[in-house]
């Protein structure tokens, strides 16, 4: 995939400046960036790194992935490659004595409309907009986003998840498996969302590793012009 081709396919959302990721300790699980892109990195790079924000909707609005796979023991689905990478992430956490579970995955446009409507009715527009995406503006509709929790459930959909052993481990290690935390602490002015340490977005192992190496926390900062062509081209192997 050439840099120019990838850039013209990307939907960009600009930021006022890159939010630096905090220094992280060494990886517990060493996963080198693969020599060859994954299936999604090869076939759908524009979808994999498409920026979806309060202002920028998914395209088309009724998009639905064709390769959804249900997470075992739940009714939640994610795209097939996300499922496989999440299995690796969970297994690595288990090796460290930590238990993780999936608590949300793909949501259709109609399902997201219901979710946003519930928040709107019960909490008002300001709270709804800080907590839930409007239909067509949710990363969950891509099938690339997943909400995780500890198996204890002590901080279910609560910011205290970030202070648990599992939450801290996910924050440190998610990039090694192709995931980023979409709404990190301190980024509300940019994302418009409150801190959600449980919400992971799959961007692929190469982009996630590059974002981590460059200290860039937000996908919209990583994909912002003018550096996006070089960054994305290098991360996805466009070297010649």
Protein backbone atom coordinates (compact mmCIF):
# COMPACT_ATOMS: atom_id res chain seq x y z
CA UNK A 1 0.00 0.00 0.00
CA UNK A 2 1.60 3.26 -1.12
CA UNK A 3 1.59 6.30 1.16
CA UNK A 4 -0.37 8.49 -1.26
CA UNK A 5 -3.05 5.88 -1.79
CA UNK A 6 -3.45 5.34 1.94
CA UNK A 7 -3.59 9.07 2.63
CA UNK A 8 -6.33 9.77 0.09
CA UNK A 9 -8.44 6.96 1.56
CA UNK A 10 -8.10 8.19 5.14
CA UNK A 11 -10.78 10.30 6.75
CA UNK A 12 -8.89 12.82 8.83
CA UNK A 13 -9.95 14.70 11.93
CA UNK A 14 -7.52 17.38 13.07
CA UNK A 15 -6.39 18.06 16.63
CA UNK A 16 -5.00 21.16 18.24
CA UNK A 17 -1.91 19.23 19.23
CA UNK A 18 -0.83 15.70 19.95
CA UNK A 19 -1.62 14.45 23.41
CA UNK A 20 1.52 12.76 24.63
CA UNK A 21 1.16 9.31 26.12
CA UNK A 22 2.74 8.97 29.57
CA UNK A 23 6.03 7.10 29.86
CA UNK A 24 5.40 3.38 30.10
CA UNK A 25 7.41 0.56 31.64
CA UNK A 26 8.87 -2.15 29.47
CA UNK A 27 6.44 -4.58 27.88
CA UNK A 28 5.72 -7.72 29.82
CA UNK A 29 4.96 -9.52 26.57
CA UNK A 30 7.36 -8.77 23.73
CA UNK A 31 5.49 -8.59 20.43
CA UNK A 32 7.56 -7.31 17.56
CA UNK A 33 5.86 -5.43 14.76
CA UNK A 34 5.18 -8.05 12.05
CA UNK A 35 7.15 -7.91 8.84
CA UNK A 36 3.93 -8.17 6.85
CA UNK A 37 0.69 -6.29 7.51
CA UNK A 38 -2.25 -8.18 8.96
CA UNK A 39 -5.27 -9.04 6.83
CA UNK A 40 -7.08 -5.81 7.76
CA UNK A 41 -3.94 -3.72 7.41
CA UNK A 42 -3.61 -5.02 3.87
CA UNK A 43 -7.24 -5.10 2.79
CA UNK A 44 -8.87 -2.23 4.70
CA UNK A 45 -6.25 0.26 5.92
CA UNK A 46 -8.63 3.19 5.46
CA UNK A 47 -11.30 1.52 7.58
CA UNK A 48 -8.82 0.39 10.21
CA UNK A 49 -7.53 3.87 10.97
CA UNK A 50 -10.61 5.95 10.07
CA UNK A 51 -11.11 8.66 12.65
CA UNK A 52 -14.62 8.78 14.12
CA UNK A 53 -15.48 11.70 16.37
CA UNK A 54 -18.47 13.73 17.52
CA UNK A 55 -18.06 15.81 14.37
CA UNK A 56 -17.00 13.08 11.96
CA UNK A 57 -19.36 10.22 11.28
CA UNK A 58 -18.72 6.72 10.04
CA UNK A 59 -19.22 6.24 6.30
CA UNK A 60 -21.64 5.01 5.20
CA UNK A 61 -23.93 5.74 8.14
CA UNK A 62 -25.48 2.27 7.93
CA UNK A 63 -22.09 0.51 7.76
CA UNK A 64 -22.04 -3.03 9.15
CA UNK A 65 -18.94 -5.29 9.09
CA UNK A 66 -19.36 -8.58 7.22
CA UNK A 67 -16.97 -10.60 9.39
CA UNK A 68 -18.42 -10.20 12.88
CA UNK A 69 -17.57 -12.96 15.35
CA UNK A 70 -19.36 -13.42 18.68
CA UNK A 71 -17.14 -13.36 21.75
CA UNK A 72 -17.46 -16.69 23.62
CA UNK A 73 -20.03 -16.73 26.38
CA UNK A 74 -21.52 -13.36 25.42
CA UNK A 75 -23.84 -11.73 22.90
CA UNK A 76 -21.12 -9.26 21.93
CA UNK A 77 -19.48 -9.38 18.51
CA UNK A 78 -16.30 -7.90 17.04
CA UNK A 79 -14.56 -8.25 13.72
CA UNK A 80 -12.69 -11.52 13.23
CA UNK A 81 -9.18 -10.06 13.46
CA UNK A 82 -10.15 -8.06 16.54
CA UNK A 83 -11.38 -11.30 18.12
CA UNK A 84 -8.08 -13.04 17.44
CA UNK A 85 -5.94 -10.18 18.77
CA UNK A 86 -8.16 -9.78 21.82
CA UNK A 87 -7.71 -13.47 22.60
CA UNK A 88 -3.93 -12.91 22.63
CA UNK A 89 -4.32 -9.86 24.88
CA UNK A 90 -6.53 -11.74 27.34
CA UNK A 91 -4.16 -14.71 27.36
CA UNK A 92 -1.19 -12.45 28.11
CA UNK A 93 -3.12 -10.82 30.95
CA UNK A 94 -4.03 -14.23 32.33
CA UNK A 95 -0.35 -15.19 32.31
CA UNK A 96 0.17 -12.25 34.69
CA UNK A 97 -2.63 -13.47 36.95
CA UNK A 98 -5.17 -10.93 35.66
CA UNK A 99 -8.69 -11.66 34.49
CA UNK A 100 -10.40 -9.66 31.72
CA UNK A 101 -13.80 -9.94 30.11
CA UNK A 102 -15.67 -8.32 27.19
CA UNK A 103 -18.64 -6.16 28.20
CA UNK A 104 -19.49 -4.56 24.84
CA UNK A 105 -18.57 -4.84 21.18
CA UNK A 106 -20.21 -4.04 17.85
CA UNK A 107 -23.30 -1.85 17.90
CA UNK A 108 -25.39 -1.13 14.84
CA UNK A 109 -26.53 2.38 13.98
CA UNK A 110 -29.99 1.57 15.36
CA UNK A 111 -28.63 0.05 18.56
CA UNK A 112 -26.45 3.10 19.14
CA UNK A 113 -29.48 5.33 18.61
CA UNK A 114 -31.19 3.45 21.42
CA UNK A 115 -28.15 3.68 23.68
CA UNK A 116 -27.74 7.41 23.13
CA UNK A 117 -31.48 7.93 23.58
CA UNK A 118 -31.40 6.18 26.95
CA UNK A 119 -28.61 8.44 28.19
CA UNK A 120 -30.42 11.48 26.82
CA UNK A 121 -33.70 10.62 28.56
CA UNK A 122 -32.14 9.73 31.90
CA UNK A 123 -29.24 12.17 32.19
CA UNK A 124 -29.82 15.09 29.82
CA UNK A 125 -27.98 16.13 26.68
CA UNK A 126 -24.74 17.34 28.27
CA UNK A 127 -24.21 14.09 30.17
CA UNK A 128 -25.32 12.00 27.20
CA UNK A 129 -22.85 13.73 24.88
CA UNK A 130 -20.00 13.26 27.36
CA UNK A 131 -20.77 9.57 27.84
CA UNK A 132 -22.39 8.17 24.71
CA UNK A 133 -21.86 8.70 20.99
CA UNK A 134 -24.69 9.82 18.76
CA UNK A 135 -25.76 7.24 16.18
CA UNK A 136 -23.29 7.15 13.31
CA UNK A 137 -20.55 8.60 15.48
CA UNK A 138 -19.65 5.54 17.58
CA UNK A 139 -16.46 3.54 17.17
CA UNK A 140 -18.48 0.51 18.22
CA UNK A 141 -20.26 0.56 14.84
CA UNK A 142 -16.96 -0.26 13.13
CA UNK A 143 -16.70 -3.62 14.89
CA UNK A 144 -13.18 -2.51 15.86
CA UNK A 145 -14.06 -1.18 19.33
CA UNK A 146 -14.52 -3.23 22.46
CA UNK A 147 -15.21 -2.44 26.09
CA UNK A 148 -13.36 -4.57 28.63
CA UNK A 149 -13.59 -5.08 32.36
CA UNK A 150 -11.97 -7.14 35.07
CA UNK A 151 -13.65 -10.45 35.77
CA UNK A 152 -14.36 -9.21 39.29
CA UNK A 153 -16.61 -6.48 37.90
CA UNK A 154 -15.73 -4.15 40.74
CA UNK A 155 -15.33 -1.17 38.39
CA UNK A 156 -17.84 -2.01 35.68
CA UNK A 157 -18.01 0.90 33.22
CA UNK A 158 -16.42 3.10 35.87
CA UNK A 159 -13.30 5.22 35.66
CA UNK A 160 -11.92 3.33 38.66
CA UNK A 161 -11.18 0.50 36.20
CA UNK A 162 -8.11 2.49 35.24
CA UNK A 163 -6.82 2.14 38.80
CA UNK A 164 -7.25 -1.63 38.98
CA UNK A 165 -4.40 -4.01 38.22
CA UNK A 166 -6.25 -5.06 35.06
CA UNK A 167 -6.87 -1.48 33.95
CA UNK A 168 -3.27 -0.44 34.46
CA UNK A 169 -2.07 -3.52 32.59
CA UNK A 170 -4.40 -2.82 29.66
CA UNK A 171 -3.20 0.80 29.47
CA UNK A 172 0.42 -0.39 29.34
CA UNK A 173 0.03 -3.37 27.05
CA UNK A 174 -2.91 -2.84 24.69
CA UNK A 175 -0.76 -1.38 21.92
CA UNK A 176 1.28 -4.57 21.71
CA UNK A 177 -1.84 -6.32 20.44
CA UNK A 178 -3.01 -3.58 18.08
CA UNK A 179 -5.31 -1.62 20.43
CA UNK A 180 -5.35 1.94 21.74
CA UNK A 181 -7.39 3.51 24.54
CA UNK A 182 -9.61 5.90 22.58
CA UNK A 183 -10.58 8.21 25.44
CA UNK A 184 -7.60 8.51 27.78
CA UNK A 185 -7.47 10.62 30.89
CA UNK A 186 -6.92 14.31 30.19
CA UNK A 187 -8.14 14.19 26.59
CA UNK A 188 -11.75 15.34 26.99
CA UNK A 189 -11.08 18.75 25.41
CA UNK A 190 -9.98 16.93 22.26
CA UNK A 191 -12.25 13.88 22.18
CA UNK A 192 -15.34 15.40 23.80
CA UNK A 193 -15.70 12.27 25.93
CA UNK A 194 -15.02 11.64 29.58
CA UNK A 195 -12.16 9.31 30.49
CA UNK A 196 -13.01 5.71 29.51
CA UNK A 197 -10.15 3.36 30.44
CA UNK A 198 -12.29 0.38 29.37
CA UNK A 199 -12.85 1.45 25.74
CA UNK A 200 -10.33 0.00 23.30
CA UNK A 201 -10.13 0.64 19.56
CA UNK A 202 -8.30 -1.78 17.28
CA UNK A 203 -6.04 0.04 14.80
CA UNK A 204 -3.74 -2.88 13.97
CA UNK A 205 -0.44 -3.87 15.57
CA UNK A 206 1.73 -1.75 13.30
CA UNK A 207 -0.07 1.55 13.80
CA UNK A 208 -0.57 0.89 17.52
CA UNK A 209 3.12 0.13 17.97
CA UNK A 210 4.08 3.25 16.04
CA UNK A 211 1.73 5.45 18.05
CA UNK A 212 3.24 4.06 21.24
CA UNK A 213 6.79 4.56 20.01
CA UNK A 214 6.04 8.17 19.04
CA UNK A 215 4.21 8.89 22.32
CA UNK A 216 0.95 9.78 20.55
CA UNK A 217 -2.14 8.73 22.49
CA UNK A 218 -4.98 9.73 20.14
CA UNK A 219 -5.63 8.31 16.69
CA UNK A 220 -6.95 11.67 15.48
CA UNK A 221 -3.63 13.28 16.41
CA UNK A 222 -1.67 10.48 14.77
CA UNK A 223 -3.71 10.77 11.56
CA UNK A 224 -3.65 14.56 11.43
CA UNK A 225 -1.86 16.36 8.61
CA UNK A 226 0.89 16.91 7.64
CA UNK A 227 2.68 14.02 9.30
CA UNK A 228 0.03 11.38 8.63
CA UNK A 229 1.38 10.31 5.23
CA UNK A 230 4.81 9.49 6.59
CA UNK A 231 3.56 7.98 9.83
CA UNK A 232 0.94 5.74 8.31
CA UNK A 233 3.10 4.80 5.36
CA UNK A 234 5.96 3.75 7.59
CA UNK A 235 3.70 1.95 10.06
CA UNK A 236 1.95 -0.06 7.36
CA UNK A 237 5.15 -0.98 5.55
CA UNK A 238 5.06 1.52 2.68
CA UNK A 239 8.79 1.79 2.34
CA UNK A 240 9.28 1.42 -1.35
